[in-house]
């Protein structure tokens, strides 16, 4: 199915977006590489009662491309998008680096966020983070050697394991090709941004909504460590495990992820 995105100008940039459905608004913040990685959630019955706001962050697909964009910048862009669309308070779902942006958004504007569903946030701390940095070095080296497509392949193989391409293309056709077109955003803008981003208990204390950690059971130690941090920051953090899923969880098991998110949304509004 082809999706026709609309465009809005915020803070001097253009962001592509689409609203799917009606009801309480839910902002979907995609991670690095695949601009439509959260779109499979839109076809799930569990989320039919909600208005899903899909958008392409700065640097992805048809949205503006700028250098030096920080996590804080992405948070400001998201708030400006919500303002332009007339949504004051929304649920927020973020995946990977998008989940880091969701945390930044909720800490900076707690009154704007009704609930947070965090799919394996890219929180770089602890021993697992150091190990991940080590295994990423050859991927970065390949990119810098002039092979961005190969570097993207290596990155997904690292996070998704064997058969990653087929699992992505099954739910996001063309997603891998788009990721390769947007490779510079990840390697030159977002990797430095996530390494510089600082978040801890004092920032987390500003967040007063329900928080849900969604984790694929095959995602590895980096994201399991991230869940532990979420429980330190948010003692009442809820958990949902997606059995057999990797870091590509919302593309591998969209129904399971949608059900977990929908449960959080209903609990947040007492449904």
Protein backbone atom coordinates (compact mmCIF):
# COMPACT_ATOMS: atom_id res chain seq x y z
CA UNK A 1 0.00 0.00 0.00
CA UNK A 2 1.39 3.38 -1.00
CA UNK A 3 1.24 6.09 1.63
CA UNK A 4 0.95 9.72 0.58
CA UNK A 5 2.59 11.89 3.21
CA UNK A 6 1.67 15.50 3.87
CA UNK A 7 4.28 18.10 4.75
CA UNK A 8 4.42 20.74 7.47
CA UNK A 9 6.99 23.49 8.12
CA UNK A 10 8.33 23.72 11.68
CA UNK A 11 11.40 25.57 12.95
CA UNK A 12 12.47 26.26 9.39
CA UNK A 13 12.42 22.62 8.28
CA UNK A 14 9.95 20.39 6.47
CA UNK A 15 8.60 17.23 8.10
CA UNK A 16 6.59 14.58 6.30
CA UNK A 17 3.66 13.17 8.25
CA UNK A 18 0.46 11.16 7.99
CA UNK A 19 -2.38 10.64 10.48
CA UNK A 20 -4.00 7.22 10.38
CA UNK A 21 -7.32 6.68 12.12
CA UNK A 22 -9.14 8.80 14.69
CA UNK A 23 -9.40 8.93 18.45
CA UNK A 24 -6.80 9.74 21.07
CA UNK A 25 -3.54 10.75 19.35
CA UNK A 26 -0.43 8.59 19.42
CA UNK A 27 2.88 9.99 18.14
CA UNK A 28 5.15 7.33 16.60
CA UNK A 29 8.87 8.22 16.68
CA UNK A 30 10.92 5.92 14.46
CA UNK A 31 14.51 4.95 15.16
CA UNK A 32 17.56 5.15 12.95
CA UNK A 33 17.74 3.85 9.39
CA UNK A 34 14.13 2.88 8.52
CA UNK A 35 11.78 5.86 8.33
CA UNK A 36 8.66 3.68 8.20
CA UNK A 37 9.75 1.12 10.78
CA UNK A 38 6.71 1.81 13.00
CA UNK A 39 4.19 1.84 10.17
CA UNK A 40 3.31 -1.88 10.61
CA UNK A 41 1.59 -0.91 13.88
CA UNK A 42 -0.97 1.01 11.84
CA UNK A 43 -2.49 -2.13 10.38
CA UNK A 44 -3.21 -3.77 13.73
CA UNK A 45 -6.72 -4.08 15.14
CA UNK A 46 -5.55 -3.31 18.69
CA UNK A 47 -4.67 0.24 17.68
CA UNK A 48 -7.74 0.95 15.53
CA UNK A 49 -9.35 3.21 18.21
CA UNK A 50 -6.44 5.65 18.07
CA UNK A 51 -5.12 8.34 15.73
CA UNK A 52 -1.59 7.25 14.82
CA UNK A 53 0.73 10.09 13.83
CA UNK A 54 3.45 8.74 11.54
CA UNK A 55 6.21 11.18 10.64
CA UNK A 56 9.69 11.12 9.15
CA UNK A 57 12.24 12.72 11.39
CA UNK A 58 14.69 15.27 10.05
CA UNK A 59 17.15 13.49 7.79
CA UNK A 60 14.84 10.70 6.66
CA UNK A 61 12.93 10.10 3.43
CA UNK A 62 11.39 13.40 2.22
CA UNK A 63 11.89 15.43 5.40
CA UNK A 64 14.58 18.12 5.54
CA UNK A 65 18.21 17.11 5.93
CA UNK A 66 20.47 19.06 8.25
CA UNK A 67 23.81 18.33 9.88
CA UNK A 68 24.42 18.46 13.60
CA UNK A 69 20.87 17.57 14.70
CA UNK A 70 20.79 16.61 18.38
CA UNK A 71 18.38 14.50 20.41
CA UNK A 72 17.06 17.73 21.91
CA UNK A 73 16.49 19.13 18.40
CA UNK A 74 14.44 16.07 17.45
CA UNK A 75 12.37 16.54 20.62
CA UNK A 76 11.69 20.17 19.69
CA UNK A 77 10.73 19.16 16.17
CA UNK A 78 8.25 16.62 17.54
CA UNK A 79 6.61 19.20 19.82
CA UNK A 80 6.43 21.69 16.95
CA UNK A 81 4.78 19.04 14.77
CA UNK A 82 2.17 18.37 17.46
CA UNK A 83 1.54 22.11 17.78
CA UNK A 84 1.07 22.44 14.03
CA UNK A 85 -1.39 19.54 14.03
CA UNK A 86 -3.30 20.92 17.01
CA UNK A 87 -2.51 18.13 19.49
CA UNK A 88 -1.63 19.35 22.97
CA UNK A 89 -1.30 16.01 24.78
CA UNK A 90 -0.48 12.69 23.14
CA UNK A 91 0.69 9.20 23.86
CA UNK A 92 4.22 8.65 22.55
CA UNK A 93 5.70 5.45 21.13
CA UNK A 94 9.41 5.40 20.29
CA UNK A 95 11.74 2.73 18.94
CA UNK A 96 15.51 2.62 19.50
CA UNK A 97 16.89 6.15 18.99
CA UNK A 98 13.29 7.24 18.59
CA UNK A 99 12.67 5.98 22.13
CA UNK A 100 15.56 8.13 23.35
CA UNK A 101 13.90 11.11 21.64
CA UNK A 102 10.62 10.12 23.32
CA UNK A 103 12.32 10.20 26.73
CA UNK A 104 13.81 13.60 25.96
CA UNK A 105 10.39 14.87 24.84
CA UNK A 106 8.65 13.60 27.97
CA UNK A 107 11.30 15.06 30.28
CA UNK A 108 11.30 18.46 28.57
CA UNK A 109 7.51 18.66 28.15
CA UNK A 110 5.89 16.29 30.68
CA UNK A 111 2.52 18.01 30.31
CA UNK A 112 2.44 17.01 26.62
CA UNK A 113 2.89 13.25 27.14
CA UNK A 114 0.01 11.02 28.32
CA UNK A 115 2.05 7.79 28.28
CA UNK A 116 5.39 6.46 27.02
CA UNK A 117 5.84 3.15 25.21
CA UNK A 118 9.57 2.59 24.76
CA UNK A 119 10.68 -0.09 22.32
CA UNK A 120 14.28 -0.85 23.25
CA UNK A 121 15.58 2.70 23.74
CA UNK A 122 19.11 3.43 22.56
CA UNK A 123 20.59 4.19 25.97
CA UNK A 124 24.36 3.98 25.80
CA UNK A 125 25.56 3.07 29.30
CA UNK A 126 27.23 0.16 31.07
CA UNK A 127 29.32 -2.78 29.93
CA UNK A 128 26.89 -3.90 27.22
CA UNK A 129 27.14 -0.45 25.65
CA UNK A 130 30.94 -0.71 25.53
CA UNK A 131 30.68 -4.14 23.91
CA UNK A 132 28.18 -2.83 21.35
CA UNK A 133 30.52 0.06 20.51
CA UNK A 134 33.27 -2.47 19.85
CA UNK A 135 31.20 -4.56 17.45
CA UNK A 136 30.01 -1.41 15.67
CA UNK A 137 33.55 -0.31 14.79
CA UNK A 138 33.84 -2.51 11.66
CA UNK A 139 30.42 -1.28 10.51
CA UNK A 140 31.52 2.35 10.86
CA UNK A 141 34.81 1.56 9.15
CA UNK A 142 32.95 0.09 6.17
CA UNK A 143 30.81 3.22 5.90
CA UNK A 144 33.85 5.50 6.03
CA UNK A 145 35.54 3.37 3.38
CA UNK A 146 32.81 4.38 0.94
CA UNK A 147 30.39 1.45 1.23
CA UNK A 148 27.27 2.87 2.93
CA UNK A 149 25.02 0.10 1.58
CA UNK A 150 27.29 -2.59 2.95
CA UNK A 151 27.48 -0.79 6.29
CA UNK A 152 23.67 -0.72 6.53
CA UNK A 153 23.58 -4.46 5.73
CA UNK A 154 26.13 -5.13 8.46
CA UNK A 155 24.20 -3.02 10.95
CA UNK A 156 20.94 -4.89 10.39
CA UNK A 157 22.69 -8.25 10.47
CA UNK A 158 24.17 -7.25 13.82
CA UNK A 159 20.80 -6.28 15.32
CA UNK A 160 18.42 -8.58 13.46
CA UNK A 161 20.44 -11.74 12.87
CA UNK A 162 19.97 -14.16 9.94
CA UNK A 163 17.00 -13.44 7.71
CA UNK A 164 16.77 -9.80 8.75
CA UNK A 165 16.16 -8.54 5.20
CA UNK A 166 13.17 -10.76 4.55
CA UNK A 167 11.62 -9.86 7.91
CA UNK A 168 11.89 -6.14 7.20
CA UNK A 169 10.65 -6.34 3.63
CA UNK A 170 7.66 -8.44 4.64
CA UNK A 171 6.16 -5.58 6.66
CA UNK A 172 8.02 -2.51 5.31
CA UNK A 173 8.53 -3.08 1.57
CA UNK A 174 11.37 -0.91 0.29
CA UNK A 175 12.50 -0.17 3.83
CA UNK A 176 16.03 -1.45 3.32
CA UNK A 177 16.55 0.60 0.15
CA UNK A 178 15.29 3.73 1.92
CA UNK A 179 17.61 3.01 4.84
CA UNK A 180 20.56 2.95 2.45
CA UNK A 181 19.50 6.29 0.98
CA UNK A 182 19.40 7.70 4.51
CA UNK A 183 22.63 6.06 5.66
CA UNK A 184 24.48 9.36 6.08
CA UNK A 185 21.88 10.52 8.61
CA UNK A 186 22.62 7.55 10.84
CA UNK A 187 26.40 7.40 10.54
CA UNK A 188 27.16 11.11 10.39
CA UNK A 189 24.39 12.68 12.48
CA UNK A 190 22.60 10.25 14.76
CA UNK A 191 25.47 8.11 16.04
CA UNK A 192 27.29 11.21 17.32
CA UNK A 193 24.01 12.56 18.74
CA UNK A 194 23.16 9.46 20.75
CA UNK A 195 26.69 9.27 22.13
CA UNK A 196 26.47 12.88 23.34
CA UNK A 197 22.95 12.64 24.73
CA UNK A 198 22.81 12.66 28.52
CA UNK A 199 19.86 11.31 30.49
CA UNK A 200 19.60 10.13 34.07
CA UNK A 201 17.51 10.09 37.24
CA UNK A 202 17.20 13.87 37.56
CA UNK A 203 15.76 14.16 34.03
CA UNK A 204 13.57 11.10 34.50
CA UNK A 205 12.05 12.59 37.66
CA UNK A 206 10.23 15.16 35.52
CA UNK A 207 8.23 12.41 33.78
CA UNK A 208 4.97 11.57 35.57
CA UNK A 209 3.10 9.42 33.05
CA UNK A 210 2.92 5.64 32.74
CA UNK A 211 6.02 4.09 31.14
CA UNK A 212 6.10 0.76 29.31
CA UNK A 213 9.29 -1.08 28.32
CA UNK A 214 8.81 -3.36 25.30
CA UNK A 215 11.67 -5.79 24.72
CA UNK A 216 12.33 -8.51 22.15
CA UNK A 217 13.59 -11.64 23.87
CA UNK A 218 16.28 -12.10 21.18
CA UNK A 219 17.57 -8.52 21.24
CA UNK A 220 20.72 -9.12 23.23
CA UNK A 221 22.39 -7.53 26.27
CA UNK A 222 22.45 -3.88 25.17
CA UNK A 223 18.68 -3.53 25.23
CA UNK A 224 18.22 -5.78 28.27
CA UNK A 225 20.59 -3.41 30.06
CA UNK A 226 18.50 -0.50 28.83
CA UNK A 227 15.41 -2.02 30.44
CA UNK A 228 17.24 -2.24 33.77
CA UNK A 229 17.99 1.46 33.52
CA UNK A 230 14.34 2.22 32.83
CA UNK A 231 13.42 0.45 36.05
CA UNK A 232 15.99 2.51 37.94
CA UNK A 233 14.60 5.72 36.48
CA UNK A 234 10.94 4.66 36.68
CA UNK A 235 10.35 2.22 39.57
CA UNK A 236 6.78 1.63 38.38
CA UNK A 237 7.82 0.92 34.78
CA UNK A 238 5.73 -1.81 33.19
CA UNK A 239 7.20 -4.54 30.99
CA UNK A 240 6.07 -6.37 27.87
CA UNK A 241 8.19 -9.08 26.25
CA UNK A 242 7.87 -9.97 22.56
CA UNK A 243 8.85 -13.63 22.40
CA UNK A 244 11.42 -14.54 19.75
CA UNK A 245 11.78 -10.97 18.45
CA UNK A 246 15.00 -9.07 17.82
CA UNK A 247 15.57 -5.31 17.79
CA UNK A 248 13.35 -5.29 14.69
CA UNK A 249 10.44 -6.30 16.94
CA UNK A 250 7.70 -4.02 15.59
CA UNK A 251 8.41 -5.29 12.06
CA UNK A 252 8.74 -8.93 13.12
CA UNK A 253 5.76 -9.07 15.49
CA UNK A 254 3.59 -5.99 14.89
CA UNK A 255 0.46 -7.57 16.40
CA UNK A 256 2.21 -8.36 19.68
CA UNK A 257 3.76 -4.90 19.91
CA UNK A 258 0.44 -3.24 19.04
CA UNK A 259 -1.37 -5.20 21.74
CA UNK A 260 1.22 -4.17 24.33
CA UNK A 261 0.97 -0.51 23.30
CA UNK A 262 -2.83 -0.56 23.22
CA UNK A 263 -2.93 -2.04 26.72
CA UNK A 264 -0.82 0.85 27.99
CA UNK A 265 -3.05 3.40 26.27
CA UNK A 266 -6.20 1.92 27.76
CA UNK A 267 -4.68 1.84 31.24
CA UNK A 268 -3.50 5.42 30.90
CA UNK A 269 -7.00 6.65 30.17
CA UNK A 270 -8.71 4.18 32.49
CA UNK A 271 -10.51 2.36 29.70
